Amino acid sequence: MKLFFKPLITLIITISLSAVVSAQPFIKEINHFKKLDSLNAPPQNPILFIGSSSFTNWKDVNSYFPSYTILNRAFGGSSLEHLVLYANDVIFKYEPRQIVIYCGENNLSAGPDVTGASIAQKYIALHQLIRSRLPKVPIVYISMKPSPSREKYLPVMKEGNRLIKKYLRKQRRSTYVDVFSAMFTKDGAIMPDIFLSDKLHMNKKGYEIWQPIIQPYLLK
């Protein structure tokens, strides 16, 4: 009987763990952050960068803003609802002095029913969640960027950016930062030389465009 139950119990545990992981997307990334925090204590009251891969890939972000204490806890592939799901793990535990968000672009490809309004509503849900716990912490939202590989989504993106900007105008200690407009040529085309070969993620030139736009909004 023991020989029978041991593999059965192992199987049940394996299936249960698989179900938990499938119900928790990006759990590996969240666990990685926890490991980093256990190895090196994160800075107290940092400027917290959260969101998707445009921040995740900005691995040397601190070198762009050397006078600021920045903690990057963005995880690639995430959408706005994932920031809500893991808010305790990537936002509240760090007691940030300021929160800078780049997210929403991945929501564009979630399906044919996605609209600028639906993306804005997801951002508003995140914003209100943060405000419920951190009423005085300034929040900065970085506009969704234009990417050649997602050019077909530009109308939805523009509408989402517009509605988020409109919402933030009426919110205290909340700022919308437009990087979208700076990423086009004089002819109105998306700059081709600021992206990696996937035509989605930015190279160094792209981040050099972002740096002077974002810096004036960061807290010392």
N, C-alpha and C. Protein backbone atom coordinates (compact mmCIF):
# COMPACT_ATOMS: atom_id res chain seq x y z
N MET A 1 0.82 -1.22 0.00
CA MET A 1 0.00 0.00 0.00
C MET A 1 0.84 1.26 0.00
N LYS A 2 1.94 1.25 0.76
CA LYS A 2 2.79 2.42 0.82
C LYS A 2 3.38 2.73 -0.54
N LEU A 3 3.78 1.62 -1.27
CA LEU A 3 4.36 1.83 -2.59
C LEU A 3 3.35 2.41 -3.57
N PHE A 4 2.07 2.13 -3.32
CA PHE A 4 1.01 2.64 -4.19
C PHE A 4 0.72 4.10 -3.90
N PHE A 5 0.61 4.45 -2.62
CA PHE A 5 0.21 5.79 -2.25
C PHE A 5 1.29 6.84 -2.47
N LYS A 6 2.55 6.46 -2.35
CA LYS A 6 3.61 7.45 -2.49
C LYS A 6 3.62 8.11 -3.87
N PRO A 7 3.63 7.33 -4.96
CA PRO A 7 3.58 7.99 -6.28
C PRO A 7 2.26 8.71 -6.52
N LEU A 8 1.17 8.19 -5.94
CA LEU A 8 -0.12 8.84 -6.10
C LEU A 8 -0.12 10.21 -5.43
N ILE A 9 0.41 10.29 -4.23
CA ILE A 9 0.49 11.57 -3.51
C ILE A 9 1.39 12.54 -4.26
N THR A 10 2.52 12.03 -4.78
CA THR A 10 3.43 12.87 -5.55
C THR A 10 2.73 13.43 -6.78
N LEU A 11 1.93 12.58 -7.43
CA LEU A 11 1.19 13.01 -8.62
C LEU A 11 0.20 14.10 -8.26
N ILE A 12 -0.53 13.90 -7.15
CA ILE A 12 -1.52 14.89 -6.73
C ILE A 12 -0.86 16.24 -6.43
N ILE A 13 0.28 16.20 -5.72
CA ILE A 13 0.99 17.43 -5.39
C ILE A 13 1.46 18.13 -6.67
N THR A 14 1.98 17.35 -7.61
CA THR A 14 2.47 17.91 -8.88
C THR A 14 1.35 18.58 -9.65
N ILE A 15 0.20 17.90 -9.71
CA ILE A 15 -0.96 18.47 -10.40
C ILE A 15 -1.43 19.74 -9.71
N SER A 16 -1.45 19.73 -8.39
CA SER A 16 -1.89 20.90 -7.63
C SER A 16 -0.98 22.09 -7.86
N LEU A 17 0.34 21.83 -7.84
CA LEU A 17 1.30 22.92 -8.06
C LEU A 17 1.17 23.47 -9.47
N SER A 18 0.95 22.59 -10.44
CA SER A 18 0.78 23.03 -11.82
C SER A 18 -0.44 23.92 -11.96
N ALA A 19 -1.51 23.56 -11.24
CA ALA A 19 -2.74 24.36 -11.27
C ALA A 19 -2.51 25.74 -10.67
N VAL A 20 -1.73 25.79 -9.59
CA VAL A 20 -1.45 27.09 -8.95
C VAL A 20 -0.64 27.96 -9.89
N VAL A 21 0.41 27.37 -10.53
CA VAL A 21 1.26 28.14 -11.43
C VAL A 21 0.45 28.66 -12.61
N SER A 22 -0.42 27.78 -13.17
CA SER A 22 -1.22 28.22 -14.32
C SER A 22 -2.21 29.30 -13.93
N ALA A 23 -2.63 29.30 -12.69
CA ALA A 23 -3.56 30.33 -12.21
C ALA A 23 -2.84 31.61 -11.82
N GLN A 24 -1.52 31.54 -11.74
CA GLN A 24 -0.72 32.69 -11.37
C GLN A 24 0.32 32.97 -12.45
N PRO A 25 -0.07 33.65 -13.51
CA PRO A 25 0.91 33.97 -14.55
C PRO A 25 2.02 34.84 -13.99
N PHE A 26 3.21 34.65 -14.52
CA PHE A 26 4.40 35.42 -14.11
C PHE A 26 4.84 35.12 -12.68
N ILE A 27 4.43 34.00 -12.13
CA ILE A 27 4.82 33.69 -10.76
C ILE A 27 6.33 33.48 -10.66
N LYS A 28 6.96 33.01 -11.74
CA LYS A 28 8.43 32.85 -11.72
C LYS A 28 9.11 34.20 -11.56
N GLU A 29 8.58 35.20 -12.27
CA GLU A 29 9.17 36.54 -12.17
C GLU A 29 8.97 37.12 -10.77
N ILE A 30 7.80 36.89 -10.20
CA ILE A 30 7.53 37.39 -8.85
C ILE A 30 8.45 36.71 -7.84
N ASN A 31 8.62 35.42 -7.99
CA ASN A 31 9.52 34.69 -7.09
C ASN A 31 10.97 35.14 -7.27
N HIS A 32 11.32 35.52 -8.49
CA HIS A 32 12.67 36.04 -8.73
C HIS A 32 12.89 37.34 -7.97
N PHE A 33 11.89 38.22 -7.98
CA PHE A 33 11.99 39.47 -7.22
C PHE A 33 12.16 39.18 -5.73
N LYS A 34 11.42 38.19 -5.24
CA LYS A 34 11.53 37.84 -3.82
C LYS A 34 12.93 37.34 -3.49
N LYS A 35 13.51 36.57 -4.42
CA LYS A 35 14.87 36.08 -4.21
C LYS A 35 15.86 37.23 -4.19
N LEU A 36 15.70 38.17 -5.13
CA LEU A 36 16.58 39.34 -5.16
C LEU A 36 16.50 40.11 -3.85
N ASP A 37 15.29 40.28 -3.34
CA ASP A 37 15.10 41.03 -2.10
C ASP A 37 15.73 40.31 -0.90
N SER A 38 15.73 38.98 -0.96
CA SER A 38 16.32 38.22 0.14
C SER A 38 17.84 38.27 0.12
N LEU A 39 18.40 38.42 -1.07
CA LEU A 39 19.85 38.47 -1.21
C LEU A 39 20.40 39.87 -0.92
N ASN A 40 19.65 40.88 -1.38
CA ASN A 40 20.05 42.27 -1.16
C ASN A 40 18.82 43.09 -0.81
N ALA A 41 18.82 43.67 0.36
CA ALA A 41 17.66 44.45 0.78
C ALA A 41 17.42 45.60 -0.19
N PRO A 42 16.20 45.75 -0.67
CA PRO A 42 15.90 46.86 -1.58
C PRO A 42 16.03 48.20 -0.86
N PRO A 43 16.28 49.27 -1.59
CA PRO A 43 16.41 50.58 -0.95
C PRO A 43 15.10 51.01 -0.28
N GLN A 44 15.22 51.80 0.74
CA GLN A 44 14.03 52.29 1.45
C GLN A 44 13.39 53.43 0.66
N ASN A 45 12.07 53.37 0.56
CA ASN A 45 11.29 54.43 -0.10
C ASN A 45 11.85 54.82 -1.47
N PRO A 46 11.98 53.84 -2.36
CA PRO A 46 12.55 54.14 -3.68
C PRO A 46 11.53 54.78 -4.61
N ILE A 47 12.03 55.29 -5.72
CA ILE A 47 11.17 55.56 -6.87
C ILE A 47 10.98 54.21 -7.55
N LEU A 48 9.76 53.74 -7.59
CA LEU A 48 9.48 52.38 -8.05
C LEU A 48 9.02 52.39 -9.50
N PHE A 49 9.77 51.71 -10.36
CA PHE A 49 9.39 51.53 -11.75
C PHE A 49 8.68 50.18 -11.86
N ILE A 50 7.46 50.18 -12.36
CA ILE A 50 6.71 48.94 -12.53
C ILE A 50 6.08 48.91 -13.93
N GLY A 51 5.74 47.71 -14.37
CA GLY A 51 5.07 47.60 -15.66
C GLY A 51 5.60 46.45 -16.48
N SER A 52 5.69 46.67 -17.79
CA SER A 52 6.01 45.60 -18.72
C SER A 52 7.43 45.74 -19.27
N SER A 53 7.69 45.08 -20.39
CA SER A 53 9.06 44.88 -20.85
C SER A 53 9.81 46.15 -21.22
N SER A 54 9.13 47.22 -21.58
CA SER A 54 9.85 48.45 -21.88
C SER A 54 10.59 48.97 -20.66
N PHE A 55 10.09 48.66 -19.47
CA PHE A 55 10.82 48.95 -18.24
C PHE A 55 11.72 47.77 -17.85
N THR A 56 11.24 46.55 -18.04
CA THR A 56 12.05 45.39 -17.69
C THR A 56 13.40 45.44 -18.39
N ASN A 57 13.38 45.79 -19.68
CA ASN A 57 14.60 45.80 -20.48
C ASN A 57 15.48 47.02 -20.20
N TRP A 58 14.96 47.96 -19.43
CA TRP A 58 15.76 49.13 -19.08
C TRP A 58 16.61 48.76 -17.86
N LYS A 59 17.49 47.82 -18.07
CA LYS A 59 18.25 47.23 -16.96
C LYS A 59 19.24 48.21 -16.34
N ASP A 60 19.69 49.17 -17.13
CA ASP A 60 20.63 50.17 -16.62
C ASP A 60 19.93 51.50 -16.34
N VAL A 61 18.67 51.43 -15.96
CA VAL A 61 17.88 52.64 -15.74
C VAL A 61 18.53 53.56 -14.71
N ASN A 62 19.19 52.99 -13.73
CA ASN A 62 19.83 53.82 -12.70
C ASN A 62 20.95 54.68 -13.27
N SER A 63 21.59 54.21 -14.33
CA SER A 63 22.66 55.01 -14.93
C SER A 63 22.10 56.19 -15.71
N TYR A 64 20.84 56.11 -16.11
CA TYR A 64 20.19 57.24 -16.80
C TYR A 64 19.73 58.31 -15.81
N PHE A 65 19.49 57.88 -14.58
CA PHE A 65 19.03 58.81 -13.54
C PHE A 65 19.91 58.63 -12.29
N PRO A 66 21.19 58.99 -12.37
CA PRO A 66 22.13 58.67 -11.29
C PRO A 66 21.85 59.36 -9.96
N SER A 67 21.09 60.44 -9.99
CA SER A 67 20.82 61.18 -8.75
C SER A 67 19.56 60.70 -8.04
N TYR A 68 18.97 59.62 -8.55
CA TYR A 68 17.70 59.15 -8.01
C TYR A 68 17.83 57.70 -7.54
N THR A 69 17.07 57.36 -6.52
CA THR A 69 17.07 55.98 -6.02
C THR A 69 15.90 55.25 -6.66
N ILE A 70 16.23 54.45 -7.67
CA ILE A 70 15.21 53.77 -8.46
C ILE A 70 15.28 52.26 -8.24
N LEU A 71 14.12 51.67 -8.04
CA LEU A 71 14.00 50.21 -7.96
C LEU A 71 13.10 49.77 -9.11
N ASN A 72 13.62 48.91 -9.96
CA ASN A 72 12.86 48.44 -11.13
C ASN A 72 12.25 47.07 -10.83
N ARG A 73 10.93 47.02 -10.79
CA ARG A 73 10.22 45.76 -10.55
C ARG A 73 9.19 45.50 -11.66
N ALA A 74 9.57 45.86 -12.89
CA ALA A 74 8.73 45.56 -14.05
C ALA A 74 8.99 44.13 -14.50
N PHE A 75 7.97 43.48 -15.05
CA PHE A 75 8.16 42.12 -15.56
C PHE A 75 7.55 42.01 -16.96
N GLY A 76 8.39 41.57 -17.89
CA GLY A 76 8.03 41.54 -19.30
C GLY A 76 6.81 40.69 -19.61
N GLY A 77 5.99 41.18 -20.52
CA GLY A 77 4.78 40.47 -20.92
C GLY A 77 3.56 40.83 -20.11
N SER A 78 3.74 41.57 -19.04
CA SER A 78 2.61 41.87 -18.15
C SER A 78 1.66 42.88 -18.76
N SER A 79 0.41 42.74 -18.38
CA SER A 79 -0.63 43.70 -18.72
C SER A 79 -1.09 44.39 -17.44
N LEU A 80 -1.96 45.36 -17.57
CA LEU A 80 -2.39 46.15 -16.42
C LEU A 80 -3.01 45.28 -15.33
N GLU A 81 -3.77 44.28 -15.71
CA GLU A 81 -4.42 43.43 -14.71
C GLU A 81 -3.40 42.62 -13.89
N HIS A 82 -2.22 42.37 -14.48
CA HIS A 82 -1.19 41.64 -13.74
C HIS A 82 -0.56 42.51 -12.65
N LEU A 83 -0.50 43.80 -12.89
CA LEU A 83 -0.01 44.71 -11.85
C LEU A 83 -0.99 44.76 -10.69
N VAL A 84 -2.27 44.67 -11.00
CA VAL A 84 -3.29 44.59 -9.94
C VAL A 84 -3.13 43.29 -9.17
N LEU A 85 -2.98 42.19 -9.91
CA LEU A 85 -2.86 40.87 -9.29
C LEU A 85 -1.68 40.79 -8.33
N TYR A 86 -0.56 41.40 -8.71
CA TYR A 86 0.65 41.29 -7.90
C TYR A 86 1.02 42.59 -7.20
N ALA A 87 0.03 43.42 -6.94
CA ALA A 87 0.30 44.72 -6.32
C ALA A 87 1.02 44.60 -4.99
N ASN A 88 0.65 43.62 -4.19
CA ASN A 88 1.32 43.44 -2.90
C ASN A 88 2.80 43.10 -3.07
N ASP A 89 3.11 42.36 -4.12
CA ASP A 89 4.47 41.88 -4.34
C ASP A 89 5.37 42.89 -5.04
N VAL A 90 4.81 43.70 -5.93
CA VAL A 90 5.67 44.60 -6.71
C VAL A 90 5.45 46.08 -6.41
N ILE A 91 4.47 46.39 -5.55
CA ILE A 91 4.21 47.80 -5.23
C ILE A 91 4.27 48.05 -3.73
N PHE A 92 3.29 47.53 -3.01
CA PHE A 92 3.07 47.96 -1.63
C PHE A 92 4.19 47.56 -0.68
N LYS A 93 4.81 46.41 -0.91
CA LYS A 93 5.85 45.95 0.01
C LYS A 93 7.06 46.88 0.04
N TYR A 94 7.24 47.67 -1.02
CA TYR A 94 8.43 48.51 -1.11
C TYR A 94 8.23 49.92 -0.52
N GLU A 95 7.01 50.25 -0.15
CA GLU A 95 6.71 51.57 0.42
C GLU A 95 7.37 52.68 -0.39
N PRO A 96 7.05 52.76 -1.67
CA PRO A 96 7.74 53.71 -2.55
C PRO A 96 7.40 55.16 -2.24
N ARG A 97 8.33 56.02 -2.56
CA ARG A 97 8.08 57.46 -2.43
C ARG A 97 7.39 57.99 -3.68
N GLN A 98 7.54 57.25 -4.79
CA GLN A 98 6.92 57.61 -6.06
C GLN A 98 6.80 56.35 -6.89
N ILE A 99 5.76 56.27 -7.72
CA ILE A 99 5.54 55.10 -8.57
C ILE A 99 5.49 55.56 -10.02
N VAL A 100 6.31 54.93 -10.86
CA VAL A 100 6.34 55.24 -12.29
C VAL A 100 5.90 53.99 -13.04
N ILE A 101 4.88 54.13 -13.86
CA ILE A 101 4.24 52.98 -14.50
C ILE A 101 4.38 53.04 -16.01
N TYR A 102 4.89 51.97 -16.60
CA TYR A 102 4.75 51.77 -18.04
C TYR A 102 4.03 50.46 -18.26
N CYS A 103 2.79 50.53 -18.64
CA CYS A 103 2.00 49.32 -18.86
C CYS A 103 0.75 49.69 -19.66
N GLY A 104 0.20 48.69 -20.34
CA GLY A 104 -0.99 48.91 -21.15
C GLY A 104 -0.79 48.47 -22.58
N GLU A 105 0.46 48.53 -23.03
CA GLU A 105 0.74 48.17 -24.42
C GLU A 105 0.41 46.71 -24.70
N ASN A 106 0.69 45.83 -23.75
CA ASN A 106 0.39 44.40 -23.97
C ASN A 106 -1.11 44.12 -23.98
N ASN A 107 -1.88 45.02 -23.39
CA ASN A 107 -3.34 44.87 -23.43
C ASN A 107 -3.88 45.03 -24.85
N LEU A 108 -3.12 45.70 -25.70
CA LEU A 108 -3.59 45.97 -27.06
C LEU A 108 -3.89 44.69 -27.84
N SER A 109 -3.08 43.67 -27.61
CA SER A 109 -3.20 42.43 -28.39
C SER A 109 -3.99 41.35 -27.66
N ALA A 110 -4.80 41.76 -26.70
CA ALA A 110 -5.55 40.78 -25.91
C ALA A 110 -6.76 40.19 -26.64
N GLY A 111 -7.17 40.81 -27.74
CA GLY A 111 -8.31 40.30 -28.48
C GLY A 111 -9.01 41.38 -29.27
N PRO A 112 -9.95 40.99 -30.13
CA PRO A 112 -10.60 41.96 -31.02
C PRO A 112 -11.50 42.96 -30.30
N ASP A 113 -11.86 42.65 -29.08
CA ASP A 113 -12.76 43.55 -28.35
C ASP A 113 -12.04 44.64 -27.57
N VAL A 114 -10.72 44.65 -27.63
CA VAL A 114 -9.96 45.65 -26.89
C VAL A 114 -10.13 47.03 -27.52
N THR A 115 -10.41 47.99 -26.68
CA THR A 115 -10.57 49.38 -27.12
C THR A 115 -9.71 50.27 -26.24
N GLY A 116 -9.54 51.52 -26.68
CA GLY A 116 -8.83 52.48 -25.85
C GLY A 116 -9.52 52.65 -24.51
N ALA A 117 -10.84 52.62 -24.54
CA ALA A 117 -11.62 52.78 -23.30
C ALA A 117 -11.42 51.60 -22.35
N SER A 118 -11.34 50.38 -22.89
CA SER A 118 -11.16 49.22 -22.02
C SER A 118 -9.77 49.22 -21.37
N ILE A 119 -8.77 49.68 -22.12
CA ILE A 119 -7.43 49.79 -21.54
C ILE A 119 -7.41 50.87 -20.46
N ALA A 120 -8.05 51.99 -20.74
CA ALA A 120 -8.11 53.07 -19.75
C ALA A 120 -8.80 52.61 -18.47
N GLN A 121 -9.86 51.83 -18.61
CA GLN A 121 -10.57 51.33 -17.43
C GLN A 121 -9.68 50.41 -16.59
N LYS A 122 -8.86 49.61 -17.26
CA LYS A 122 -7.94 48.74 -16.52
C LYS A 122 -6.88 49.57 -15.80
N TYR A 123 -6.42 50.64 -16.46
CA TYR A 123 -5.47 51.51 -15.77
C TYR A 123 -6.13 52.19 -14.57
N ILE A 124 -7.34 52.66 -14.74
CA ILE A 124 -8.05 53.33 -13.63
C ILE A 124 -8.21 52.38 -12.44
N ALA A 125 -8.48 51.11 -12.71
CA ALA A 125 -8.60 50.13 -11.63
C ALA A 125 -7.28 50.01 -10.87
N LEU A 126 -6.17 50.00 -11.60
CA LEU A 126 -4.85 49.95 -10.96
C LEU A 126 -4.60 51.22 -10.16
N HIS A 127 -4.87 52.33 -10.74
CA HIS A 127 -4.65 53.62 -10.08
C HIS A 127 -5.45 53.72 -8.79
N GLN A 128 -6.70 53.32 -8.84
CA GLN A 128 -7.55 53.39 -7.66
C GLN A 128 -7.09 52.42 -6.57
N LEU A 129 -6.59 51.26 -6.98
CA LEU A 129 -6.05 50.32 -6.01
C LEU A 129 -4.84 50.93 -5.29
N ILE A 130 -3.95 51.52 -6.05
CA ILE A 130 -2.78 52.16 -5.44
C ILE A 130 -3.21 53.28 -4.50
N ARG A 131 -4.16 54.09 -4.95
CA ARG A 131 -4.62 55.22 -4.14
C ARG A 131 -5.28 54.75 -2.83
N SER A 132 -5.92 53.60 -2.86
CA SER A 132 -6.58 53.11 -1.66
C SER A 132 -5.59 52.75 -0.57
N ARG A 133 -4.36 52.42 -0.95
CA ARG A 133 -3.33 52.03 0.01
C ARG A 133 -2.26 53.11 0.20
N LEU A 134 -2.02 53.86 -0.85
CA LEU A 134 -0.97 54.88 -0.82
C LEU A 134 -1.54 56.21 -1.30
N PRO A 135 -2.37 56.83 -0.48
CA PRO A 135 -3.10 58.03 -0.92
C PRO A 135 -2.23 59.24 -1.24
N LYS A 136 -1.02 59.29 -0.69
CA LYS A 136 -0.19 60.49 -0.87
C LYS A 136 1.01 60.27 -1.78
N VAL A 137 1.20 59.06 -2.26
CA VAL A 137 2.37 58.76 -3.09
C VAL A 137 2.12 59.22 -4.53
N PRO A 138 2.99 60.05 -5.09
CA PRO A 138 2.81 60.49 -6.48
C PRO A 138 2.90 59.32 -7.46
N ILE A 139 2.04 59.35 -8.44
CA ILE A 139 2.00 58.31 -9.47
C ILE A 139 2.26 58.96 -10.83
N VAL A 140 3.18 58.39 -11.58
CA VAL A 140 3.50 58.87 -12.92
C VAL A 140 3.18 57.76 -13.92
N TYR A 141 2.37 58.08 -14.91
CA TYR A 141 2.06 57.10 -15.96
C TYR A 141 2.78 57.52 -17.24
N ILE A 142 3.59 56.62 -17.78
CA ILE A 142 4.28 56.85 -19.04
C ILE A 142 3.39 56.35 -20.17
N SER A 143 3.13 57.20 -21.13
CA SER A 143 2.22 56.84 -22.22
C SER A 143 2.68 55.58 -22.95
N MET A 144 1.72 54.87 -23.48
CA MET A 144 2.05 53.72 -24.33
C MET A 144 2.83 54.22 -25.55
N LYS A 145 3.88 53.50 -25.90
CA LYS A 145 4.76 53.92 -26.99
C LYS A 145 4.31 53.30 -28.33
N PRO A 146 4.61 53.96 -29.43
CA PRO A 146 4.36 53.37 -30.74
C PRO A 146 5.48 52.39 -31.10
N SER A 147 5.14 51.21 -31.54
CA SER A 147 6.13 50.22 -31.95
C SER A 147 5.82 49.76 -33.37
N PRO A 148 6.81 49.64 -34.24
CA PRO A 148 6.53 49.21 -35.62
C PRO A 148 5.75 47.89 -35.70
N SER A 149 6.05 46.96 -34.79
CA SER A 149 5.38 45.66 -34.85
C SER A 149 3.91 45.75 -34.41
N ARG A 150 3.54 46.85 -33.79
CA ARG A 150 2.16 47.02 -33.33
C ARG A 150 1.51 48.26 -33.95
N GLU A 151 1.98 48.60 -35.11
CA GLU A 151 1.51 49.82 -35.77
C GLU A 151 0.00 49.78 -36.03
N LYS A 152 -0.53 48.58 -36.26
CA LYS A 152 -1.96 48.47 -36.54
C LYS A 152 -2.81 48.86 -35.34
N TYR A 153 -2.22 48.87 -34.16
CA TYR A 153 -2.95 49.22 -32.95
C TYR A 153 -2.88 50.71 -32.61
N LEU A 154 -2.24 51.51 -33.46
CA LEU A 154 -2.03 52.92 -33.13
C LEU A 154 -3.33 53.66 -32.80
N PRO A 155 -4.42 53.47 -33.54
CA PRO A 155 -5.66 54.19 -33.17
C PRO A 155 -6.15 53.83 -31.76
N VAL A 156 -6.09 52.55 -31.41
CA VAL A 156 -6.52 52.12 -30.08
C VAL A 156 -5.57 52.69 -29.02
N MET A 157 -4.28 52.66 -29.32
CA MET A 157 -3.28 53.18 -28.40
C MET A 157 -3.47 54.68 -28.16
N LYS A 158 -3.68 55.42 -29.22
CA LYS A 158 -3.89 56.87 -29.08
C LYS A 158 -5.11 57.17 -28.22
N GLU A 159 -6.18 56.41 -28.44
CA GLU A 159 -7.38 56.62 -27.66
C GLU A 159 -7.16 56.25 -26.20
N GLY A 160 -6.46 55.15 -25.95
CA GLY A 160 -6.15 54.75 -24.58
C GLY A 160 -5.30 55.80 -23.88
N ASN A 161 -4.28 56.28 -24.55
CA ASN A 161 -3.44 57.34 -23.99
C ASN A 161 -4.26 58.59 -23.68
N ARG A 162 -5.12 58.96 -24.63
CA ARG A 162 -5.92 60.17 -24.45
C ARG A 162 -6.83 60.06 -23.22
N LEU A 163 -7.48 58.91 -23.06
CA LEU A 163 -8.41 58.73 -21.95
C LEU A 163 -7.69 58.64 -20.60
N ILE A 164 -6.53 58.01 -20.60
CA ILE A 164 -5.75 57.95 -19.35
C ILE A 164 -5.27 59.34 -18.97
N LYS A 165 -4.80 60.10 -19.95
CA LYS A 165 -4.37 61.47 -19.69
C LYS A 165 -5.52 62.32 -19.15
N LYS A 166 -6.69 62.16 -19.74
CA LYS A 166 -7.87 62.89 -19.29
C LYS A 166 -8.22 62.54 -17.85
N TYR A 167 -8.15 61.26 -17.53
CA TYR A 167 -8.45 60.82 -16.16
C TYR A 167 -7.45 61.40 -15.16
N LEU A 168 -6.18 61.35 -15.51
CA LEU A 168 -5.14 61.78 -14.58
C LEU A 168 -5.15 63.29 -14.33
N ARG A 169 -5.69 64.05 -15.27
CA ARG A 169 -5.79 65.50 -15.06
C ARG A 169 -6.59 65.84 -13.81
N LYS A 170 -7.52 64.98 -13.47
CA LYS A 170 -8.41 65.25 -12.34
C LYS A 170 -7.97 64.55 -11.05
N GLN A 171 -6.82 63.87 -11.10
CA GLN A 171 -6.36 63.13 -9.93
C GLN A 171 -5.20 63.86 -9.26
N ARG A 172 -5.22 63.90 -7.95
CA ARG A 172 -4.14 64.55 -7.21
C ARG A 172 -2.87 63.70 -7.25
N ARG A 173 -1.75 64.41 -7.26
CA ARG A 173 -0.45 63.76 -7.24
C ARG A 173 -0.35 62.67 -8.31
N SER A 174 -0.88 62.96 -9.48
CA SER A 174 -0.88 62.01 -10.59
C SER A 174 -0.48 62.73 -11.87
N THR A 175 0.41 62.11 -12.64
CA THR A 175 0.97 62.76 -13.81
C THR A 175 0.98 61.82 -15.01
N TYR A 176 0.65 62.38 -16.15
CA TYR A 176 0.75 61.67 -17.42
C TYR A 176 1.97 62.22 -18.16
N VAL A 177 2.86 61.32 -18.61
CA VAL A 177 4.05 61.74 -19.32
C VAL A 177 4.00 61.19 -20.74
N ASP A 178 4.08 62.08 -21.72
CA ASP A 178 3.95 61.72 -23.12
C ASP A 178 5.31 61.40 -23.74
N VAL A 179 5.61 60.11 -23.93
CA VAL A 179 6.79 59.73 -24.71
C VAL A 179 6.39 59.36 -26.13
N PHE A 180 5.12 59.12 -26.32
CA PHE A 180 4.57 58.70 -27.62
C PHE A 180 4.97 59.68 -28.72
N SER A 181 4.73 60.97 -28.50
CA SER A 181 4.91 61.98 -29.55
C SER A 181 6.36 62.13 -29.99
N ALA A 182 7.30 61.80 -29.11
CA ALA A 182 8.72 62.00 -29.41
C ALA A 182 9.33 60.87 -30.22
N MET A 183 8.53 59.86 -30.55
CA MET A 183 9.08 58.66 -31.18
C MET A 183 8.71 58.54 -32.66
N PHE A 184 8.40 59.71 -33.26
CA PHE A 184 8.07 59.76 -34.68
C PHE A 184 9.06 60.65 -35.43
N THR A 185 9.25 60.38 -36.69
CA THR A 185 10.08 61.23 -37.53
C THR A 185 9.30 62.48 -37.91
N LYS A 186 9.97 63.42 -38.55
CA LYS A 186 9.29 64.63 -39.00
C LYS A 186 8.21 64.33 -40.02
N ASP A 187 8.35 63.19 -40.70
CA ASP A 187 7.36 62.79 -41.70
C ASP A 187 6.18 62.05 -41.10
N GLY A 188 6.19 61.85 -39.78
CA GLY A 188 5.08 61.19 -39.11
C GLY A 188 5.17 59.69 -39.04
N ALA A 189 6.33 59.13 -39.37
CA ALA A 189 6.53 57.69 -39.28
C ALA A 189 7.19 57.34 -37.95
N ILE A 190 6.92 56.14 -37.45
CA ILE A 190 7.59 55.69 -36.23
C ILE A 190 9.08 55.57 -36.52
N MET A 191 9.91 56.13 -35.65
CA MET A 191 11.36 56.05 -35.84
C MET A 191 11.80 54.59 -35.94
N PRO A 192 12.45 54.20 -37.03
CA PRO A 192 12.81 52.79 -37.18
C PRO A 192 14.09 52.39 -36.46
N ASP A 193 14.95 53.36 -36.17
CA ASP A 193 16.29 53.02 -35.66
C ASP A 193 16.38 53.03 -34.13
N ILE A 194 15.26 53.14 -33.45
CA ILE A 194 15.28 53.15 -31.98
C ILE A 194 14.76 51.83 -31.40
N PHE A 195 14.61 50.84 -32.28
CA PHE A 195 14.07 49.54 -31.85
C PHE A 195 15.03 48.41 -32.13
N LEU A 196 14.91 47.35 -31.37
CA LEU A 196 15.66 46.13 -31.64
C LEU A 196 15.09 45.45 -32.88
N SER A 197 15.67 44.32 -33.26
CA SER A 197 15.25 43.64 -34.49
C SER A 197 13.81 43.15 -34.43
N ASP A 198 13.26 42.98 -33.21
CA ASP A 198 11.87 42.53 -33.10
C ASP A 198 10.87 43.64 -33.39
N LYS A 199 11.37 44.87 -33.55
CA LYS A 199 10.55 46.05 -33.86
C LYS A 199 9.48 46.32 -32.80
N LEU A 200 9.77 45.84 -31.61
CA LEU A 200 8.85 46.03 -30.48
C LEU A 200 9.57 46.68 -29.30
N HIS A 201 10.72 46.14 -28.95
CA HIS A 201 11.47 46.64 -27.80
C HIS A 201 12.52 47.65 -28.24
N MET A 202 12.79 48.61 -27.39
CA MET A 202 13.68 49.70 -27.75
C MET A 202 15.15 49.35 -27.54
N ASN A 203 15.99 50.00 -28.31
CA ASN A 203 17.43 49.93 -28.08
C ASN A 203 17.87 51.16 -27.29
N LYS A 204 19.16 51.36 -27.17
CA LYS A 204 19.70 52.46 -26.37
C LYS A 204 19.19 53.82 -26.85
N LYS A 205 19.06 53.98 -28.15
CA LYS A 205 18.59 55.25 -28.71
C LYS A 205 17.18 55.59 -28.22
N GLY A 206 16.36 54.55 -28.11
CA GLY A 206 15.00 54.77 -27.62
C GLY A 206 14.98 55.28 -26.19
N TYR A 207 15.78 54.65 -25.34
CA TYR A 207 15.82 55.06 -23.94
C TYR A 207 16.47 56.44 -23.78
N GLU A 208 17.35 56.79 -24.69
CA GLU A 208 17.94 58.13 -24.66
C GLU A 208 16.90 59.19 -24.98
N ILE A 209 15.90 58.84 -25.77
CA ILE A 209 14.78 59.75 -26.02
C ILE A 209 13.92 59.89 -24.77
N TRP A 210 13.68 58.77 -24.10
CA TRP A 210 12.82 58.78 -22.92
C TRP A 210 13.44 59.54 -21.74
N GLN A 211 14.74 59.43 -21.56
CA GLN A 211 15.37 59.94 -20.35
C GLN A 211 15.06 61.41 -20.07
N PRO A 212 15.30 62.34 -21.00
CA PRO A 212 15.03 63.75 -20.68
C PRO A 212 13.55 64.09 -20.57
N ILE A 213 12.70 63.23 -21.11
CA ILE A 213 11.25 63.46 -20.99
C ILE A 213 10.77 63.07 -19.60
N ILE A 214 11.30 61.97 -19.08
CA ILE A 214 10.85 61.45 -17.79
C ILE A 214 11.49 62.15 -16.61
N GLN A 215 12.76 62.49 -16.71
CA GLN A 215 13.50 62.99 -15.56
C GLN A 215 12.85 64.17 -14.82
N PRO A 216 12.30 65.16 -15.53
CA PRO A 216 11.70 66.29 -14.81
C PRO A 216 10.57 65.92 -13.86
N TYR A 217 10.02 64.74 -14.02
CA TYR A 217 8.88 64.32 -13.19
C TYR A 217 9.29 63.44 -12.00
N LEU A 218 10.57 63.09 -11.92
CA LEU A 218 11.03 62.24 -10.82
C LEU A 218 11.32 63.06 -9.58
N LEU A 219 11.03 62.47 -8.44
CA LEU A 219 11.27 63.14 -7.16
C LEU A 219 12.70 62.91 -6.70
N LYS A 220 13.30 63.96 -6.20
CA LYS A 220 14.64 63.84 -5.62
C LYS A 220 14.53 63.12 -4.28
